[in-house]
C-alpha atoms as a PDB file:
ATOM      1  CA  UNK A   1      -2.708  35.633  13.671  1.00  0.00           C
ATOM      2  CA  UNK A   2      -2.560  32.005  12.494  1.00  0.00           C
ATOM      3  CA  UNK A   3      -3.038  31.090   8.865  1.00  0.00           C
ATOM      4  CA  UNK A   4      -5.765  28.607   8.113  1.00  0.00           C
ATOM      5  CA  UNK A   5      -4.507  25.395   6.453  1.00  0.00           C
ATOM      6  CA  UNK A   6      -5.151  25.081   2.719  1.00  0.00           C
ATOM      7  CA  UNK A   7      -7.827  22.475   2.014  1.00  0.00           C
ATOM      8  CA  UNK A   8      -8.393  21.227  -1.507  1.00  0.00           C
ATOM      9  CA  UNK A   9     -12.096  20.447  -1.629  1.00  0.00           C
ATOM     10  CA  UNK A  10     -11.779  18.911  -5.097  1.00  0.00           C
ATOM     11  CA  UNK A  11      -9.346  16.218  -3.952  1.00  0.00           C
ATOM     12  CA  UNK A  12     -10.914  12.783  -3.689  1.00  0.00           C
ATOM     13  CA  UNK A  13      -9.977  11.019  -0.429  1.00  0.00           C
ATOM     14  CA  UNK A  14      -9.821   7.238  -0.777  1.00  0.00           C
ATOM     15  CA  UNK A  15     -10.838   4.955   2.028  1.00  0.00           C
ATOM     16  CA  UNK A  16      -7.927   2.542   1.776  1.00  0.00           C
ATOM     17  CA  UNK A  17      -4.233   2.386   1.078  1.00  0.00           C
ATOM     18  CA  UNK A  18      -2.957  -0.509  -1.023  1.00  0.00           C
ATOM     19  CA  UNK A  19      -4.889  -3.558  -2.095  1.00  0.00           C
ATOM     20  CA  UNK A  20      -6.485  -6.286  -0.053  1.00  0.00           C
ATOM     21  CA  UNK A  21      -4.895  -9.681  -0.523  1.00  0.00           C
ATOM     22  CA  UNK A  22      -6.919 -12.804  -1.085  1.00  0.00           C
ATOM     23  CA  UNK A  23      -7.560 -14.770   2.101  1.00  0.00           C
ATOM     24  CA  UNK A  24      -5.906 -18.194   1.914  1.00  0.00           C
ATOM     25  CA  UNK A  25      -8.186 -21.201   1.970  1.00  0.00           C
ATOM     26  CA  UNK A  26      -7.993 -22.772   5.436  1.00  0.00           C
ATOM     27  CA  UNK A  27      -8.446 -26.414   4.420  1.00  0.00           C
ATOM     28  CA  UNK A  28      -5.791 -26.218   1.708  1.00  0.00           C
ATOM     29  CA  UNK A  29      -3.319 -24.487   4.040  1.00  0.00           C
ATOM     30  CA  UNK A  30      -3.919 -27.159   6.705  1.00  0.00           C
ATOM     31  CA  UNK A  31      -3.318 -29.979   4.252  1.00  0.00           C
ATOM     32  CA  UNK A  32      -0.088 -28.342   3.071  1.00  0.00           C
ATOM     33  CA  UNK A  33       1.062 -28.040   6.688  1.00  0.00           C
ATOM     34  CA  UNK A  34       0.346 -31.731   7.323  1.00  0.00           C
ATOM     35  CA  UNK A  35       2.211 -32.742   4.163  1.00  0.00           C
ATOM     36  CA  UNK A  36       5.210 -30.649   5.237  1.00  0.00           C
ATOM     37  CA  UNK A  37       5.142 -32.283   8.684  1.00  0.00           C
ATOM     38  CA  UNK A  38       5.033 -35.745   7.134  1.00  0.00           C
ATOM     39  CA  UNK A  39       8.034 -34.951   4.940  1.00  0.00           C
ATOM     40  CA  UNK A  40       9.874 -33.630   7.996  1.00  0.00           C
ATOM     41  CA  UNK A  41       9.249 -36.861   9.899  1.00  0.00           C
ATOM     42  CA  UNK A  42      10.312 -38.995   6.939  1.00  0.00           C
ATOM     43  CA  UNK A  43      13.488 -36.970   6.388  1.00  0.00           C
ATOM     44  CA  UNK A  44      14.648 -37.222  10.002  1.00  0.00           C
ATOM     45  CA  UNK A  45      13.087 -40.632  10.736  1.00  0.00           C
ATOM     46  CA  UNK A  46      11.778 -39.160  13.933  1.00  0.00           C
ATOM     47  CA  UNK A  47       8.272 -38.770  15.254  1.00  0.00           C
ATOM     48  CA  UNK A  48       8.058 -37.040  18.618  1.00  0.00           C
ATOM     49  CA  UNK A  49       4.337 -36.548  18.613  1.00  0.00           C
ATOM     50  CA  UNK A  50       1.839 -39.376  18.604  1.00  0.00           C
ATOM     51  CA  UNK A  51      -0.578 -39.184  15.702  1.00  0.00           C
ATOM     52  CA  UNK A  52      -4.232 -38.394  16.017  1.00  0.00           C
ATOM     53  CA  UNK A  53      -6.359 -35.745  17.684  1.00  0.00           C
ATOM     54  CA  UNK A  54      -5.512 -34.847  21.258  1.00  0.00           C
ATOM     55  CA  UNK A  55      -8.011 -33.088  23.510  1.00  0.00           C
ATOM     56  CA  UNK A  56      -7.207 -31.541  26.871  1.00  0.00           C
ATOM     57  CA  UNK A  57      -9.349 -29.905  29.525  1.00  0.00           C
ATOM     58  CA  UNK A  58      -6.801 -27.195  30.366  1.00  0.00           C
ATOM     59  CA  UNK A  59      -3.797 -25.513  28.783  1.00  0.00           C
ATOM     60  CA  UNK A  60      -1.687 -26.720  31.695  1.00  0.00           C
ATOM     61  CA  UNK A  61      -2.621 -30.348  30.949  1.00  0.00           C
ATOM     62  CA  UNK A  62      -1.741 -29.848  27.265  1.00  0.00           C
ATOM     63  CA  UNK A  63       1.606 -28.222  28.150  1.00  0.00           C
ATOM     64  CA  UNK A  64       2.497 -31.063  30.548  1.00  0.00           C
ATOM     65  CA  UNK A  65       1.693 -33.651  27.872  1.00  0.00           C
ATOM     66  CA  UNK A  66       3.753 -31.789  25.264  1.00  0.00           C
ATOM     67  CA  UNK A  67       6.765 -31.592  27.611  1.00  0.00           C
ATOM     68  CA  UNK A  68       6.407 -35.320  28.354  1.00  0.00           C
ATOM     69  CA  UNK A  69       6.425 -36.089  24.614  1.00  0.00           C
ATOM     70  CA  UNK A  70       9.466 -33.864  24.013  1.00  0.00           C
ATOM     71  CA  UNK A  71      11.393 -35.537  26.843  1.00  0.00           C
ATOM     72  CA  UNK A  72      10.387 -38.973  25.586  1.00  0.00           C
ATOM     73  CA  UNK A  73      11.593 -38.143  22.076  1.00  0.00           C
ATOM     74  CA  UNK A  74      15.050 -37.332  23.437  1.00  0.00           C
ATOM     75  CA  UNK A  75      15.445 -40.738  25.095  1.00  0.00           C
ATOM     76  CA  UNK A  76      17.521 -43.400  23.409  1.00  0.00           C
ATOM     77  CA  UNK A  77      15.525 -46.134  21.712  1.00  0.00           C
ATOM     78  CA  UNK A  78      16.165 -49.597  23.178  1.00  0.00           C
END
């Protein structure tokens, strides 16, 4: 004969564990990322990616462009 498990019916069961953290503001986080990138470029005097917004029709086209920019950044400046 198996014993039935003891269940405390007076115990309150919470719905969550821990506390929810505040969601970071997207615009502010983006601006901080851009500022960090700018400092990186100034520190190393190197800019491998052309500025601006780049739009591609496929992921393959975007990957090919990124590889082209990385290869170009490794070339000696004449």
